[in-house]
Amino acid sequence: MGAALPEFDTEIADHLNTYGECLDHVLFGDLTRFLLAAAREGDWPLVRRGLTFLEGTMMSGDPYLENLVAASFIENLSPWHTPNVEPLPKGFVECLPPHLRTEFDRQRAG
């Protein structure tokens, strides 16, 4: 992840310092908040790089990684399931690459 998103390195280091190991699902929740904050700040190039990384992960063919993205990224985008959650930044959903968008739509419909 560091090569694709060096801006996230500080969060990774904080995560490792806090937990003493990489807790994938927790880290991907942090990544979700990181990318949403970038979108709210208008840093769309960073958002697109992050989404491209996640799209590649979703297409890896590895069921664990695909579930990681679905459960700990897409589910964290789901304001339709949680009352009083800040709406997604305008334009964020439209930036989702095809596989992420398909999973987003599947979860939203479910």
N, C-alpha and C. Protein backbone atom coordinates (compact mmCIF):
# COMPACT_ATOMS: atom_id res chain seq x y z
N MET A 1 0.83 -1.19 0.00
CA MET A 1 0.00 0.00 0.00
C MET A 1 0.87 1.25 0.00
N GLY A 2 2.01 1.18 0.66
CA GLY A 2 2.87 2.35 0.79
C GLY A 2 3.31 2.92 -0.55
N ALA A 3 3.60 2.06 -1.53
CA ALA A 3 4.04 2.55 -2.83
C ALA A 3 2.91 3.27 -3.55
N ALA A 4 1.69 2.78 -3.42
CA ALA A 4 0.54 3.39 -4.08
C ALA A 4 0.09 4.66 -3.38
N LEU A 5 0.21 4.68 -2.06
CA LEU A 5 -0.29 5.81 -1.25
C LEU A 5 0.73 6.18 -0.17
N PRO A 6 1.85 6.76 -0.54
CA PRO A 6 2.85 7.11 0.48
C PRO A 6 2.29 8.10 1.52
N GLU A 7 1.25 8.84 1.16
CA GLU A 7 0.63 9.78 2.10
C GLU A 7 -0.01 9.05 3.29
N PHE A 8 -0.27 7.78 3.12
CA PHE A 8 -0.91 6.98 4.17
C PHE A 8 0.12 6.32 5.10
N ASP A 9 1.40 6.48 4.82
CA ASP A 9 2.46 5.83 5.61
C ASP A 9 2.40 6.20 7.09
N THR A 10 2.09 7.45 7.41
CA THR A 10 2.01 7.86 8.81
C THR A 10 0.92 7.09 9.53
N GLU A 11 -0.23 6.93 8.89
CA GLU A 11 -1.33 6.17 9.49
C GLU A 11 -0.95 4.71 9.69
N ILE A 12 -0.21 4.15 8.72
CA ILE A 12 0.24 2.77 8.87
C ILE A 12 1.17 2.65 10.07
N ALA A 13 2.11 3.57 10.18
CA ALA A 13 3.04 3.55 11.31
C ALA A 13 2.31 3.71 12.63
N ASP A 14 1.34 4.62 12.69
CA ASP A 14 0.54 4.79 13.91
C ASP A 14 -0.22 3.51 14.24
N HIS A 15 -0.78 2.88 13.23
CA HIS A 15 -1.52 1.64 13.41
C HIS A 15 -0.62 0.56 14.01
N LEU A 16 0.56 0.39 13.44
CA LEU A 16 1.50 -0.62 13.93
C LEU A 16 1.96 -0.30 15.35
N ASN A 17 2.17 0.98 15.62
CA ASN A 17 2.57 1.39 16.96
C ASN A 17 1.46 1.12 17.97
N THR A 18 0.23 1.36 17.60
CA THR A 18 -0.91 1.16 18.49
C THR A 18 -1.18 -0.32 18.75
N TYR A 19 -1.20 -1.12 17.68
CA TYR A 19 -1.62 -2.51 17.79
C TYR A 19 -0.47 -3.51 17.85
N GLY A 20 0.73 -3.08 17.49
CA GLY A 20 1.87 -3.98 17.51
C GLY A 20 1.90 -4.97 16.35
N GLU A 21 0.92 -4.90 15.50
CA GLU A 21 0.82 -5.76 14.32
C GLU A 21 -0.18 -5.13 13.36
N CYS A 22 -0.24 -5.66 12.16
CA CYS A 22 -1.19 -5.15 11.18
C CYS A 22 -2.51 -5.90 11.33
N LEU A 23 -3.54 -5.17 11.71
CA LEU A 23 -4.90 -5.70 11.76
C LEU A 23 -5.58 -5.19 10.49
N ASP A 24 -5.62 -6.05 9.48
CA ASP A 24 -6.03 -5.64 8.14
C ASP A 24 -7.37 -4.91 8.12
N HIS A 25 -8.37 -5.46 8.76
CA HIS A 25 -9.70 -4.85 8.70
C HIS A 25 -9.73 -3.49 9.39
N VAL A 26 -9.02 -3.35 10.48
CA VAL A 26 -8.93 -2.06 11.17
C VAL A 26 -8.19 -1.06 10.29
N LEU A 27 -7.08 -1.49 9.70
CA LEU A 27 -6.30 -0.60 8.84
C LEU A 27 -7.10 -0.14 7.63
N PHE A 28 -7.89 -1.04 7.05
CA PHE A 28 -8.70 -0.63 5.89
C PHE A 28 -9.83 0.31 6.31
N GLY A 29 -10.31 0.21 7.53
CA GLY A 29 -11.25 1.20 8.05
C GLY A 29 -10.58 2.56 8.14
N ASP A 30 -9.32 2.57 8.61
CA ASP A 30 -8.55 3.82 8.65
C ASP A 30 -8.35 4.38 7.24
N LEU A 31 -8.08 3.49 6.29
CA LEU A 31 -7.89 3.93 4.90
C LEU A 31 -9.18 4.54 4.35
N THR A 32 -10.31 3.97 4.70
CA THR A 32 -11.59 4.53 4.27
C THR A 32 -11.73 5.97 4.76
N ARG A 33 -11.51 6.18 6.05
CA ARG A 33 -11.62 7.53 6.62
C ARG A 33 -10.60 8.48 5.99
N PHE A 34 -9.41 7.98 5.72
CA PHE A 34 -8.35 8.77 5.09
C PHE A 34 -8.79 9.25 3.71
N LEU A 35 -9.33 8.34 2.90
CA LEU A 35 -9.75 8.71 1.55
C LEU A 35 -10.98 9.62 1.57
N LEU A 36 -11.89 9.40 2.50
CA LEU A 36 -13.05 10.29 2.60
C LEU A 36 -12.60 11.69 3.02
N ALA A 37 -11.64 11.77 3.93
CA ALA A 37 -11.12 13.09 4.34
C ALA A 37 -10.44 13.77 3.16
N ALA A 38 -9.70 13.02 2.37
CA ALA A 38 -9.04 13.60 1.19
C ALA A 38 -10.09 14.13 0.21
N ALA A 39 -11.18 13.40 0.04
CA ALA A 39 -12.25 13.86 -0.85
C ALA A 39 -12.89 15.13 -0.31
N ARG A 40 -13.13 15.17 0.98
CA ARG A 40 -13.74 16.38 1.58
C ARG A 40 -12.82 17.59 1.44
N GLU A 41 -11.51 17.33 1.42
CA GLU A 41 -10.53 18.42 1.26
C GLU A 41 -10.29 18.75 -0.22
N GLY A 42 -10.90 17.97 -1.11
CA GLY A 42 -10.76 18.23 -2.54
C GLY A 42 -9.51 17.65 -3.17
N ASP A 43 -8.84 16.72 -2.51
CA ASP A 43 -7.63 16.10 -3.06
C ASP A 43 -8.03 14.88 -3.90
N TRP A 44 -8.65 15.14 -5.04
CA TRP A 44 -9.16 14.07 -5.89
C TRP A 44 -8.08 13.21 -6.51
N PRO A 45 -6.88 13.75 -6.84
CA PRO A 45 -5.82 12.85 -7.32
C PRO A 45 -5.45 11.78 -6.29
N LEU A 46 -5.38 12.16 -5.02
CA LEU A 46 -5.10 11.19 -3.96
C LEU A 46 -6.23 10.17 -3.84
N VAL A 47 -7.45 10.66 -3.90
CA VAL A 47 -8.61 9.76 -3.82
C VAL A 47 -8.56 8.76 -4.97
N ARG A 48 -8.31 9.22 -6.17
CA ARG A 48 -8.28 8.32 -7.33
C ARG A 48 -7.17 7.28 -7.22
N ARG A 49 -5.99 7.70 -6.72
CA ARG A 49 -4.92 6.72 -6.53
C ARG A 49 -5.31 5.67 -5.50
N GLY A 50 -5.95 6.10 -4.42
CA GLY A 50 -6.41 5.15 -3.41
C GLY A 50 -7.45 4.19 -3.96
N LEU A 51 -8.38 4.72 -4.73
CA LEU A 51 -9.42 3.87 -5.31
C LEU A 51 -8.85 2.91 -6.35
N THR A 52 -7.83 3.36 -7.08
CA THR A 52 -7.17 2.48 -8.04
C THR A 52 -6.47 1.33 -7.31
N PHE A 53 -5.81 1.64 -6.20
CA PHE A 53 -5.20 0.60 -5.37
C PHE A 53 -6.26 -0.40 -4.89
N LEU A 54 -7.37 0.10 -4.38
CA LEU A 54 -8.43 -0.77 -3.88
C LEU A 54 -9.07 -1.58 -4.99
N GLU A 55 -9.23 -0.99 -6.16
CA GLU A 55 -9.78 -1.72 -7.31
C GLU A 55 -8.87 -2.90 -7.66
N GLY A 56 -7.56 -2.66 -7.68
CA GLY A 56 -6.61 -3.73 -7.96
C GLY A 56 -6.67 -4.82 -6.91
N THR A 57 -6.84 -4.43 -5.67
CA THR A 57 -6.96 -5.40 -4.59
C THR A 57 -8.23 -6.22 -4.76
N MET A 58 -9.30 -5.54 -5.13
CA MET A 58 -10.59 -6.21 -5.33
C MET A 58 -10.52 -7.20 -6.50
N MET A 59 -9.65 -6.96 -7.46
CA MET A 59 -9.53 -7.80 -8.64
C MET A 59 -8.41 -8.82 -8.51
N SER A 60 -7.83 -8.95 -7.33
CA SER A 60 -6.63 -9.79 -7.14
C SER A 60 -6.89 -11.28 -7.34
N GLY A 61 -8.13 -11.71 -7.20
CA GLY A 61 -8.43 -13.13 -7.26
C GLY A 61 -8.23 -13.82 -5.92
N ASP A 62 -7.81 -13.06 -4.92
CA ASP A 62 -7.60 -13.60 -3.58
C ASP A 62 -8.87 -13.34 -2.77
N PRO A 63 -9.60 -14.38 -2.39
CA PRO A 63 -10.85 -14.18 -1.66
C PRO A 63 -10.69 -13.38 -0.37
N TYR A 64 -9.57 -13.57 0.34
CA TYR A 64 -9.36 -12.81 1.57
C TYR A 64 -9.27 -11.31 1.26
N LEU A 65 -8.49 -10.95 0.24
CA LEU A 65 -8.33 -9.54 -0.10
C LEU A 65 -9.63 -8.94 -0.63
N GLU A 66 -10.35 -9.70 -1.42
CA GLU A 66 -11.63 -9.22 -1.94
C GLU A 66 -12.60 -8.97 -0.80
N ASN A 67 -12.64 -9.86 0.18
CA ASN A 67 -13.49 -9.67 1.35
C ASN A 67 -13.02 -8.48 2.18
N LEU A 68 -11.72 -8.33 2.29
CA LEU A 68 -11.16 -7.20 3.04
C LEU A 68 -11.67 -5.87 2.48
N VAL A 69 -11.62 -5.73 1.18
CA VAL A 69 -12.09 -4.49 0.55
C VAL A 69 -13.60 -4.35 0.71
N ALA A 70 -14.33 -5.44 0.48
CA ALA A 70 -15.79 -5.38 0.58
C ALA A 70 -16.24 -5.07 2.00
N ALA A 71 -15.62 -5.73 2.98
CA ALA A 71 -16.06 -5.60 4.37
C ALA A 71 -15.49 -4.38 5.06
N SER A 72 -14.28 -4.00 4.74
CA SER A 72 -13.65 -2.94 5.53
C SER A 72 -13.42 -1.65 4.76
N PHE A 73 -13.78 -1.63 3.49
CA PHE A 73 -13.80 -0.37 2.76
C PHE A 73 -15.23 -0.04 2.36
N ILE A 74 -15.81 -0.88 1.52
CA ILE A 74 -17.15 -0.58 1.01
C ILE A 74 -18.17 -0.49 2.13
N GLU A 75 -18.16 -1.42 3.08
CA GLU A 75 -19.13 -1.35 4.18
C GLU A 75 -18.98 -0.06 4.98
N ASN A 76 -17.76 0.45 5.08
CA ASN A 76 -17.55 1.71 5.80
C ASN A 76 -18.06 2.92 5.02
N LEU A 77 -18.43 2.72 3.78
CA LEU A 77 -19.02 3.80 2.97
C LEU A 77 -20.53 3.79 3.05
N SER A 78 -21.10 2.94 3.88
CA SER A 78 -22.53 2.65 3.83
C SER A 78 -23.38 3.50 4.77
N PRO A 79 -23.56 4.77 4.46
CA PRO A 79 -24.39 5.60 5.34
C PRO A 79 -25.86 5.18 5.34
N TRP A 80 -26.27 4.37 4.34
CA TRP A 80 -27.66 3.93 4.29
C TRP A 80 -27.98 2.95 5.41
N HIS A 81 -26.96 2.38 6.07
CA HIS A 81 -27.19 1.43 7.16
C HIS A 81 -27.04 2.07 8.55
N THR A 82 -26.46 3.26 8.61
CA THR A 82 -26.15 3.85 9.90
C THR A 82 -26.75 5.25 9.99
N PRO A 83 -27.66 5.45 10.93
CA PRO A 83 -28.25 6.79 11.07
C PRO A 83 -27.21 7.79 11.58
N ASN A 84 -27.43 9.04 11.24
CA ASN A 84 -26.60 10.15 11.72
C ASN A 84 -25.15 10.08 11.26
N VAL A 85 -24.91 9.46 10.13
CA VAL A 85 -23.56 9.42 9.56
C VAL A 85 -23.45 10.50 8.51
N GLU A 86 -22.32 11.18 8.50
CA GLU A 86 -22.08 12.22 7.51
C GLU A 86 -22.18 11.62 6.11
N PRO A 87 -22.88 12.29 5.20
CA PRO A 87 -23.00 11.75 3.84
C PRO A 87 -21.64 11.68 3.16
N LEU A 88 -21.55 10.82 2.17
CA LEU A 88 -20.32 10.72 1.41
C LEU A 88 -20.06 12.03 0.67
N PRO A 89 -18.80 12.39 0.50
CA PRO A 89 -18.50 13.62 -0.24
C PRO A 89 -19.08 13.57 -1.65
N LYS A 90 -19.55 14.70 -2.09
CA LYS A 90 -20.12 14.79 -3.44
C LYS A 90 -19.07 14.35 -4.46
N GLY A 91 -19.47 13.46 -5.33
CA GLY A 91 -18.60 12.96 -6.39
C GLY A 91 -17.81 11.72 -6.02
N PHE A 92 -17.84 11.32 -4.75
CA PHE A 92 -17.03 10.17 -4.32
C PHE A 92 -17.51 8.88 -4.98
N VAL A 93 -18.79 8.63 -4.92
CA VAL A 93 -19.32 7.38 -5.49
C VAL A 93 -19.06 7.33 -6.99
N GLU A 94 -19.17 8.46 -7.65
CA GLU A 94 -18.94 8.51 -9.09
C GLU A 94 -17.49 8.19 -9.45
N CYS A 95 -16.57 8.35 -8.51
CA CYS A 95 -15.15 8.03 -8.74
C CYS A 95 -14.83 6.56 -8.55
N LEU A 96 -15.75 5.80 -7.98
CA LEU A 96 -15.46 4.39 -7.72
C LEU A 96 -15.24 3.65 -9.04
N PRO A 97 -14.11 2.95 -9.17
CA PRO A 97 -13.88 2.13 -10.36
C PRO A 97 -14.92 1.00 -10.43
N PRO A 98 -15.02 0.32 -11.57
CA PRO A 98 -16.11 -0.62 -11.81
C PRO A 98 -16.34 -1.69 -10.76
N HIS A 99 -15.31 -2.39 -10.31
CA HIS A 99 -15.52 -3.47 -9.35
C HIS A 99 -15.94 -2.93 -7.98
N LEU A 100 -15.35 -1.81 -7.58
CA LEU A 100 -15.75 -1.18 -6.31
C LEU A 100 -17.19 -0.68 -6.41
N ARG A 101 -17.54 -0.11 -7.55
CA ARG A 101 -18.90 0.41 -7.72
C ARG A 101 -19.92 -0.72 -7.72
N THR A 102 -19.58 -1.84 -8.34
CA THR A 102 -20.49 -2.99 -8.34
C THR A 102 -20.73 -3.47 -6.92
N GLU A 103 -19.68 -3.57 -6.12
CA GLU A 103 -19.83 -4.01 -4.74
C GLU A 103 -20.58 -2.98 -3.91
N PHE A 104 -20.32 -1.70 -4.14
CA PHE A 104 -21.03 -0.63 -3.45
C PHE A 104 -22.54 -0.74 -3.74
N ASP A 105 -22.88 -0.88 -5.01
CA ASP A 105 -24.29 -0.98 -5.41
C ASP A 105 -24.94 -2.25 -4.84
N ARG A 106 -24.18 -3.36 -4.83
CA ARG A 106 -24.71 -4.60 -4.27
C ARG A 106 -25.03 -4.44 -2.79
N GLN A 107 -24.12 -3.83 -2.04
CA GLN A 107 -24.35 -3.66 -0.62
C GLN A 107 -25.48 -2.66 -0.36
N ARG A 108 -25.54 -1.62 -1.15
CA ARG A 108 -26.60 -0.62 -0.98
C ARG A 108 -27.97 -1.24 -1.24
N ALA A 109 -28.05 -2.12 -2.22
CA ALA A 109 -29.33 -2.77 -2.55
C ALA A 109 -29.72 -3.82 -1.53
N GLY A 110 -28.71 -4.39 -0.86
CA GLY A 110 -28.95 -5.51 0.05
C GLY A 110 -29.53 -5.12 1.32
